[in-house]
Amino acid sequence: MQKFVQKNGKQQLYAERIVMENWPQYVGDACARYSTCQSVINGIMRVKVTNAALRFELMGQKTNILNRINADYAFPVIKDIYFV
């Protein structure tokens, strides 16, 4: 699968999909219980958060979360995160 993705220039799309699936690994199980990665479009991740206090905490940790996500890849997959 990885060779096909590289051959067809779809690394960004593939990486975005993997990041969406691995959202709980980046924020932990407790935060993942109240948040869901809804989409990633052009490097912008949209995350639905059902708890206002958690949304505030995640907004404060946005830089750390971005660094954790992008550390797994040779190129920046996620440019920004919108918490809704």
PDB file of N, CA and C in Angstrom:
ATOM      1  N   MET A   1       0.816  -1.188   0.000  1.00  0.00           N
ATOM      2  CA  MET A   1       0.000   0.000   0.000  1.00  0.00           C
ATOM      3  C   MET A   1       0.869   1.265   0.000  1.00  0.00           C
ATOM      4  N   GLN A   2       1.912   1.256   0.832  1.00  0.00           N
ATOM      5  CA  GLN A   2       2.788   2.419   0.933  1.00  0.00           C
ATOM      6  C   GLN A   2       3.458   2.732  -0.404  1.00  0.00           C
ATOM      7  N   LYS A   3       3.884   1.718  -1.136  1.00  0.00           N
ATOM      8  CA  LYS A   3       4.524   1.934  -2.447  1.00  0.00           C
ATOM      9  C   LYS A   3       3.537   2.546  -3.433  1.00  0.00           C
ATOM     10  N   PHE A   4       2.307   2.055  -3.417  1.00  0.00           N
ATOM     11  CA  PHE A   4       1.270   2.598  -4.293  1.00  0.00           C
ATOM     12  C   PHE A   4       1.025   4.072  -3.987  1.00  0.00           C
ATOM     13  N   VAL A   5       0.943   4.389  -2.711  1.00  0.00           N
ATOM     14  CA  VAL A   5       0.693   5.766  -2.284  1.00  0.00           C
ATOM     15  C   VAL A   5       1.820   6.674  -2.749  1.00  0.00           C
ATOM     16  N   GLN A   6       3.060   6.255  -2.550  1.00  0.00           N
ATOM     17  CA  GLN A   6       4.208   7.061  -2.962  1.00  0.00           C
ATOM     18  C   GLN A   6       4.268   7.217  -4.472  1.00  0.00           C
ATOM     19  N   LYS A   7       3.999   6.144  -5.182  1.00  0.00           N
ATOM     20  CA  LYS A   7       4.059   6.166  -6.646  1.00  0.00           C
ATOM     21  C   LYS A   7       3.040   7.129  -7.229  1.00  0.00           C
ATOM     22  N   ASN A   8       1.887   7.243  -6.607  1.00  0.00           N
ATOM     23  CA  ASN A   8       0.814   8.086  -7.129  1.00  0.00           C
ATOM     24  C   ASN A   8       0.725   9.452  -6.467  1.00  0.00           C
ATOM     25  N   GLY A   9       1.702   9.797  -5.625  1.00  0.00           N
ATOM     26  CA  GLY A   9       1.756  11.127  -5.018  1.00  0.00           C
ATOM     27  C   GLY A   9       0.633  11.417  -4.045  1.00  0.00           C
ATOM     28  N   LYS A  10       0.190  10.428  -3.327  1.00  0.00           N
ATOM     29  CA  LYS A  10      -0.918  10.597  -2.386  1.00  0.00           C
ATOM     30  C   LYS A  10      -0.465  10.481  -0.930  1.00  0.00           C
ATOM     31  N   GLN A  11       0.803  10.773  -0.656  1.00  0.00           N
ATOM     32  CA  GLN A  11       1.318  10.636   0.705  1.00  0.00           C
ATOM     33  C   GLN A  11       0.554  11.508   1.700  1.00  0.00           C
ATOM     34  N   GLN A  12       0.240  12.744   1.303  1.00  0.00           N
ATOM     35  CA  GLN A  12      -0.454  13.658   2.202  1.00  0.00           C
ATOM     36  C   GLN A  12      -1.830  13.103   2.568  1.00  0.00           C
ATOM     37  N   LEU A  13      -2.586  12.658   1.584  1.00  0.00           N
ATOM     38  CA  LEU A  13      -3.924  12.122   1.854  1.00  0.00           C
ATOM     39  C   LEU A  13      -3.865  10.879   2.727  1.00  0.00           C
ATOM     40  N   TYR A  14      -2.919  10.008   2.432  1.00  0.00           N
ATOM     41  CA  TYR A  14      -2.765   8.781   3.213  1.00  0.00           C
ATOM     42  C   TYR A  14      -2.391   9.113   4.654  1.00  0.00           C
ATOM     43  N   ALA A  15      -1.436  10.023   4.832  1.00  0.00           N
ATOM     44  CA  ALA A  15      -0.999  10.406   6.179  1.00  0.00           C
ATOM     45  C   ALA A  15      -2.147  11.060   6.951  1.00  0.00           C
ATOM     46  N   GLU A  16      -2.940  11.899   6.290  1.00  0.00           N
ATOM     47  CA  GLU A  16      -4.073  12.542   6.951  1.00  0.00           C
ATOM     48  C   GLU A  16      -5.068  11.498   7.448  1.00  0.00           C
ATOM     49  N   ARG A  17      -5.305  10.484   6.647  1.00  0.00           N
ATOM     50  CA  ARG A  17      -6.239   9.421   7.042  1.00  0.00           C
ATOM     51  C   ARG A  17      -5.716   8.645   8.253  1.00  0.00           C
ATOM     52  N   ILE A  18      -4.422   8.358   8.254  1.00  0.00           N
ATOM     53  CA  ILE A  18      -3.813   7.635   9.373  1.00  0.00           C
ATOM     54  C   ILE A  18      -3.881   8.476  10.646  1.00  0.00           C
ATOM     55  N   VAL A  19      -3.631   9.770  10.531  1.00  0.00           N
ATOM     56  CA  VAL A  19      -3.703  10.663  11.695  1.00  0.00           C
ATOM     57  C   VAL A  19      -5.115  10.655  12.278  1.00  0.00           C
ATOM     58  N   MET A  20      -6.123  10.701  11.421  1.00  0.00           N
ATOM     59  CA  MET A  20      -7.515  10.661  11.906  1.00  0.00           C
ATOM     60  C   MET A  20      -7.778   9.383  12.700  1.00  0.00           C
ATOM     61  N   GLU A  21      -7.315   8.266  12.182  1.00  0.00           N
ATOM     62  CA  GLU A  21      -7.531   6.985  12.858  1.00  0.00           C
ATOM     63  C   GLU A  21      -6.769   6.887  14.176  1.00  0.00           C
ATOM     64  N   ASN A  22      -5.627   7.567  14.257  1.00  0.00           N
ATOM     65  CA  ASN A  22      -4.773   7.487  15.445  1.00  0.00           C
ATOM     66  C   ASN A  22      -4.985   8.637  16.432  1.00  0.00           C
ATOM     67  N   TRP A  23      -6.040   9.410  16.268  1.00  0.00           N
ATOM     68  CA  TRP A  23      -6.312  10.543  17.156  1.00  0.00           C
ATOM     69  C   TRP A  23      -6.185  10.178  18.639  1.00  0.00           C
ATOM     70  N   PRO A  24      -6.746   9.055  19.107  1.00  0.00           N
ATOM     71  CA  PRO A  24      -6.618   8.714  20.538  1.00  0.00           C
ATOM     72  C   PRO A  24      -5.171   8.546  21.000  1.00  0.00           C
ATOM     73  N   GLN A  25      -4.292   8.125  20.132  1.00  0.00           N
ATOM     74  CA  GLN A  25      -2.882   7.968  20.510  1.00  0.00           C
ATOM     75  C   GLN A  25      -2.216   9.316  20.742  1.00  0.00           C
ATOM     76  N   TYR A  26      -2.671  10.346  20.060  1.00  0.00           N
ATOM     77  CA  TYR A  26      -2.051  11.664  20.193  1.00  0.00           C
ATOM     78  C   TYR A  26      -2.558  12.432  21.408  1.00  0.00           C
ATOM     79  N   VAL A  27      -3.800  12.194  21.824  1.00  0.00           N
ATOM     80  CA  VAL A  27      -4.365  12.955  22.944  1.00  0.00           C
ATOM     81  C   VAL A  27      -4.630  12.105  24.180  1.00  0.00           C
ATOM     82  N   GLY A  28      -4.547  10.801  24.056  1.00  0.00           N
ATOM     83  CA  GLY A  28      -4.819   9.911  25.188  1.00  0.00           C
ATOM     84  C   GLY A  28      -6.275   9.467  25.198  1.00  0.00           C
ATOM     85  N   ASP A  29      -6.516   8.366  25.863  1.00  0.00           N
ATOM     86  CA  ASP A  29      -7.851   7.768  25.878  1.00  0.00           C
ATOM     87  C   ASP A  29      -8.887   8.653  26.572  1.00  0.00           C
ATOM     88  N   ALA A  30      -8.497   9.312  27.654  1.00  0.00           N
ATOM     89  CA  ALA A  30      -9.450  10.149  28.388  1.00  0.00           C
ATOM     90  C   ALA A  30      -9.956  11.301  27.512  1.00  0.00           C
ATOM     91  N   CYS A  31      -9.063  11.974  26.823  1.00  0.00           N
ATOM     92  CA  CYS A  31      -9.466  13.069  25.933  1.00  0.00           C
ATOM     93  C   CYS A  31     -10.207  12.542  24.713  1.00  0.00           C
ATOM     94  N   ALA A  32      -9.802  11.404  24.210  1.00  0.00           N
ATOM     95  CA  ALA A  32     -10.437  10.828  23.023  1.00  0.00           C
ATOM     96  C   ALA A  32     -11.876  10.422  23.293  1.00  0.00           C
ATOM     97  N   ARG A  33     -12.196  10.130  24.552  1.00  0.00           N
ATOM     98  CA  ARG A  33     -13.570   9.788  24.901  1.00  0.00           C
ATOM     99  C   ARG A  33     -14.537  10.933  24.621  1.00  0.00           C
ATOM    100  N   TYR A  34     -14.044  12.161  24.735  1.00  0.00           N
ATOM    101  CA  TYR A  34     -14.891  13.341  24.570  1.00  0.00           C
ATOM    102  C   TYR A  34     -14.563  14.147  23.317  1.00  0.00           C
ATOM    103  N   SER A  35     -13.737  13.604  22.452  1.00  0.00           N
ATOM    104  CA  SER A  35     -13.379  14.302  21.221  1.00  0.00           C
ATOM    105  C   SER A  35     -13.264  13.312  20.072  1.00  0.00           C
ATOM    106  N   THR A  36     -13.613  13.794  18.892  1.00  0.00           N
ATOM    107  CA  THR A  36     -13.563  12.963  17.695  1.00  0.00           C
ATOM    108  C   THR A  36     -12.986  13.766  16.551  1.00  0.00           C
ATOM    109  N   CYS A  37     -12.018  13.196  15.881  1.00  0.00           N
ATOM    110  CA  CYS A  37     -11.464  13.833  14.686  1.00  0.00           C
ATOM    111  C   CYS A  37     -12.474  13.631  13.558  1.00  0.00           C
ATOM    112  N   GLN A  38     -13.084  14.716  13.100  1.00  0.00           N
ATOM    113  CA  GLN A  38     -14.125  14.618  12.083  1.00  0.00           C
ATOM    114  C   GLN A  38     -13.566  14.618  10.672  1.00  0.00           C
ATOM    115  N   SER A  39     -12.546  15.434  10.425  1.00  0.00           N
ATOM    116  CA  SER A  39     -12.000  15.517   9.068  1.00  0.00           C
ATOM    117  C   SER A  39     -10.624  16.158   9.075  1.00  0.00           C
ATOM    118  N   VAL A  40      -9.910  15.909   7.997  1.00  0.00           N
ATOM    119  CA  VAL A  40      -8.657  16.611   7.728  1.00  0.00           C
ATOM    120  C   VAL A  40      -8.708  16.996   6.255  1.00  0.00           C
ATOM    121  N   ILE A  41      -8.688  18.294   5.997  1.00  0.00           N
ATOM    122  CA  ILE A  41      -8.736  18.792   4.628  1.00  0.00           C
ATOM    123  C   ILE A  41      -7.603  19.785   4.439  1.00  0.00           C
ATOM    124  N   ASN A  42      -6.728  19.482   3.489  1.00  0.00           N
ATOM    125  CA  ASN A  42      -5.568  20.341   3.198  1.00  0.00           C
ATOM    126  C   ASN A  42      -4.730  20.632   4.437  1.00  0.00           C
ATOM    127  N   GLY A  43      -4.568  19.639   5.287  1.00  0.00           N
ATOM    128  CA  GLY A  43      -3.731  19.786   6.472  1.00  0.00           C
ATOM    129  C   GLY A  43      -4.412  20.445   7.654  1.00  0.00           C
ATOM    130  N   ILE A  44      -5.688  20.771   7.535  1.00  0.00           N
ATOM    131  CA  ILE A  44      -6.441  21.388   8.624  1.00  0.00           C
ATOM    132  C   ILE A  44      -7.329  20.315   9.246  1.00  0.00           C
ATOM    133  N   MET A  45      -7.083  20.010  10.514  1.00  0.00           N
ATOM    134  CA  MET A  45      -7.843  18.984  11.221  1.00  0.00           C
ATOM    135  C   MET A  45      -9.004  19.634  11.974  1.00  0.00           C
ATOM    136  N   ARG A  46     -10.177  19.030  11.828  1.00  0.00           N
ATOM    137  CA  ARG A  46     -11.367  19.500  12.544  1.00  0.00           C
ATOM    138  C   ARG A  46     -11.724  18.447  13.586  1.00  0.00           C
ATOM    139  N   VAL A  47     -11.758  18.861  14.855  1.00  0.00           N
ATOM    140  CA  VAL A  47     -12.015  17.949  15.961  1.00  0.00           C
ATOM    141  C   VAL A  47     -13.247  18.423  16.720  1.00  0.00           C
ATOM    142  N   LYS A  48     -14.218  17.533  16.849  1.00  0.00           N
ATOM    143  CA  LYS A  48     -15.419  17.845  17.634  1.00  0.00           C
ATOM    144  C   LYS A  48     -15.168  17.449  19.077  1.00  0.00           C
ATOM    145  N   VAL A  49     -15.385  18.410  19.989  1.00  0.00           N
ATOM    146  CA  VAL A  49     -15.175  18.179  21.422  1.00  0.00           C
ATOM    147  C   VAL A  49     -16.512  18.398  22.120  1.00  0.00           C
ATOM    148  N   THR A  50     -16.931  17.413  22.919  1.00  0.00           N
ATOM    149  CA  THR A  50     -18.248  17.488  23.563  1.00  0.00           C
ATOM    150  C   THR A  50     -18.226  18.131  24.939  1.00  0.00           C
ATOM    151  N   ASN A  51     -17.047  18.504  25.429  1.00  0.00           N
ATOM    152  CA  ASN A  51     -16.907  19.086  26.758  1.00  0.00           C
ATOM    153  C   ASN A  51     -16.174  20.418  26.632  1.00  0.00           C
ATOM    154  N   ALA A  52     -16.795  21.501  27.087  1.00  0.00           N
ATOM    155  CA  ALA A  52     -16.212  22.841  26.945  1.00  0.00           C
ATOM    156  C   ALA A  52     -14.876  22.978  27.672  1.00  0.00           C
ATOM    157  N   ALA A  53     -14.778  22.411  28.862  1.00  0.00           N
ATOM    158  CA  ALA A  53     -13.520  22.496  29.620  1.00  0.00           C
ATOM    159  C   ALA A  53     -12.399  21.754  28.889  1.00  0.00           C
ATOM    160  N   LEU A  54     -12.722  20.609  28.309  1.00  0.00           N
ATOM    161  CA  LEU A  54     -11.724  19.859  27.555  1.00  0.00           C
ATOM    162  C   LEU A  54     -11.332  20.614  26.289  1.00  0.00           C
ATOM    163  N   ARG A  55     -12.292  21.263  25.636  1.00  0.00           N
ATOM    164  CA  ARG A  55     -11.981  22.055  24.444  1.00  0.00           C
ATOM    165  C   ARG A  55     -10.971  23.142  24.789  1.00  0.00           C
ATOM    166  N   PHE A  56     -11.180  23.801  25.913  1.00  0.00           N
ATOM    167  CA  PHE A  56     -10.257  24.844  26.359  1.00  0.00           C
ATOM    168  C   PHE A  56      -8.870  24.262  26.607  1.00  0.00           C
ATOM    169  N   GLU A  57      -8.805  23.107  27.244  1.00  0.00           N
ATOM    170  CA  GLU A  57      -7.518  22.446  27.519  1.00  0.00           C
ATOM    171  C   GLU A  57      -6.829  22.031  26.224  1.00  0.00           C
ATOM    172  N   LEU A  58      -7.569  21.469  25.289  1.00  0.00           N
ATOM    173  CA  LEU A  58      -6.977  21.051  24.017  1.00  0.00           C
ATOM    174  C   LEU A  58      -6.473  22.254  23.213  1.00  0.00           C
ATOM    175  N   MET A  59      -7.196  23.364  23.277  1.00  0.00           N
ATOM    176  CA  MET A  59      -6.733  24.570  22.582  1.00  0.00           C
ATOM    177  C   MET A  59      -5.409  25.041  23.163  1.00  0.00           C
ATOM    178  N   GLY A  60      -5.256  24.907  24.467  1.00  0.00           N
ATOM    179  CA  GLY A  60      -3.995  25.281  25.103  1.00  0.00           C
ATOM    180  C   GLY A  60      -2.855  24.338  24.763  1.00  0.00           C
ATOM    181  N   GLN A  61      -3.194  23.095  24.458  1.00  0.00           N
ATOM    182  CA  GLN A  61      -2.182  22.076  24.124  1.00  0.00           C
ATOM    183  C   GLN A  61      -2.018  21.879  22.618  1.00  0.00           C
ATOM    184  N   LYS A  62      -2.625  22.744  21.819  1.00  0.00           N
ATOM    185  CA  LYS A  62      -2.621  22.559  20.367  1.00  0.00           C
ATOM    186  C   LYS A  62      -1.213  22.427  19.790  1.00  0.00           C
ATOM    187  N   THR A  63      -0.304  23.264  20.207  1.00  0.00           N
ATOM    188  CA  THR A  63       1.069  23.200  19.692  1.00  0.00           C
ATOM    189  C   THR A  63       1.718  21.859  20.016  1.00  0.00           C
ATOM    190  N   ASN A  64       1.532  21.382  21.235  1.00  0.00           N
ATOM    191  CA  ASN A  64       2.092  20.082  21.618  1.00  0.00           C
ATOM    192  C   ASN A  64       1.483  18.947  20.811  1.00  0.00           C
ATOM    193  N   ILE A  65       0.172  19.003  20.591  1.00  0.00           N
ATOM    194  CA  ILE A  65      -0.499  17.966  19.805  1.00  0.00           C
ATOM    195  C   ILE A  65       0.007  17.980  18.360  1.00  0.00           C
ATOM    196  N   LEU A  66       0.123  19.171  17.788  1.00  0.00           N
ATOM    197  CA  LEU A  66       0.658  19.290  16.421  1.00  0.00           C
ATOM    198  C   LEU A  66       2.067  18.720  16.320  1.00  0.00           C
ATOM    199  N   ASN A  67       2.892  19.026  17.311  1.00  0.00           N
ATOM    200  CA  ASN A  67       4.266  18.504  17.310  1.00  0.00           C
ATOM    201  C   ASN A  67       4.287  16.981  17.404  1.00  0.00           C
ATOM    202  N   ARG A  68       3.420  16.404  18.256  1.00  0.00           N
ATOM    203  CA  ARG A  68       3.348  14.941  18.378  1.00  0.00           C
ATOM    204  C   ARG A  68       2.913  14.293  17.071  1.00  0.00           C
ATOM    205  N   ILE A  69       1.914  14.874  16.441  1.00  0.00           N
ATOM    206  CA  ILE A  69       1.418  14.317  15.180  1.00  0.00           C
ATOM    207  C   ILE A  69       2.496  14.398  14.105  1.00  0.00           C
ATOM    208  N   ASN A  70       3.059  15.563  13.905  1.00  0.00           N
ATOM    209  CA  ASN A  70       4.008  15.767  12.812  1.00  0.00           C
ATOM    210  C   ASN A  70       5.356  15.101  13.053  1.00  0.00           C
ATOM    211  N   ALA A  71       5.658  14.753  14.299  1.00  0.00           N
ATOM    212  CA  ALA A  71       6.916  14.053  14.599  1.00  0.00           C
ATOM    213  C   ALA A  71       6.933  12.654  13.995  1.00  0.00           C
ATOM    214  N   ASP A  72       5.762  12.096  13.721  1.00  0.00           N
ATOM    215  CA  ASP A  72       5.673  10.748  13.157  1.00  0.00           C
ATOM    216  C   ASP A  72       5.937  10.701  11.656  1.00  0.00           C
ATOM    217  N   TYR A  73       6.061  11.854  11.015  1.00  0.00           N
ATOM    218  CA  TYR A  73       6.177  11.905   9.561  1.00  0.00           C
ATOM    219  C   TYR A  73       7.370  12.755   9.138  1.00  0.00           C
ATOM    220  N   ALA A  74       7.836  12.518   7.923  1.00  0.00           N
ATOM    221  CA  ALA A  74       8.982  13.259   7.385  1.00  0.00           C
ATOM    222  C   ALA A  74       8.571  14.633   6.862  1.00  0.00           C
ATOM    223  N   PHE A  75       7.288  14.884   6.813  1.00  0.00           N
ATOM    224  CA  PHE A  75       6.775  16.162   6.336  1.00  0.00           C
ATOM    225  C   PHE A  75       5.608  16.572   7.239  1.00  0.00           C
ATOM    226  N   PRO A  76       5.311  17.865   7.327  1.00  0.00           N
ATOM    227  CA  PRO A  76       4.216  18.302   8.197  1.00  0.00           C
ATOM    228  C   PRO A  76       2.859  17.898   7.622  1.00  0.00           C
ATOM    229  N   VAL A  77       2.186  16.992   8.288  1.00  0.00           N
ATOM    230  CA  VAL A  77       0.892  16.488   7.824  1.00  0.00           C
ATOM    231  C   VAL A  77      -0.218  17.437   8.218  1.00  0.00           C
ATOM    232  N   ILE A  78      -0.208  17.880   9.474  1.00  0.00           N
ATOM    233  CA  ILE A  78      -1.260  18.741  10.000  1.00  0.00           C
ATOM    234  C   ILE A  78      -0.698  20.141  10.227  1.00  0.00           C
ATOM    235  N   LYS A  79      -1.338  21.138   9.623  1.00  0.00           N
ATOM    236  CA  LYS A  79      -0.906  22.535   9.761  1.00  0.00           C
ATOM    237  C   LYS A  79      -1.601  23.222  10.933  1.00  0.00           C
ATOM    238  N   ASP A  80      -2.867  22.869  11.137  1.00  0.00           N
ATOM    239  CA  ASP A  80      -3.639  23.519  12.196  1.00  0.00           C
ATOM    240  C   ASP A  80      -4.751  22.582  12.650  1.00  0.00           C
ATOM    241  N   ILE A  81      -5.268  22.833  13.842  1.00  0.00           N
ATOM    242  CA  ILE A  81      -6.368  22.057  14.391  1.00  0.00           C
ATOM    243  C   ILE A  81      -7.458  23.028  14.824  1.00  0.00           C
ATOM    244  N   TYR A  82      -8.682  22.775  14.376  1.00  0.00           N
ATOM    245  CA  TYR A  82      -9.845  23.548  14.808  1.00  0.00           C
ATOM    246  C   TYR A  82     -10.677  22.669  15.739  1.00  0.00           C
ATOM    247  N   PHE A  83     -10.894  23.154  16.945  1.00  0.00           N
ATOM    248  CA  PHE A  83     -11.724  22.438  17.913  1.00  0.00           C
ATOM    249  C   PHE A  83     -13.115  23.049  17.882  1.00  0.00           C
ATOM    250  N   VAL A  84     -14.106  22.220  17.600  1.00  0.00           N
ATOM    251  CA  VAL A  84     -15.490  22.710  17.498  1.00  0.00           C
ATOM    252  C   VAL A  84     -16.381  21.972  18.466  1.00  0.00           C
TER     253      VAL A  84
END
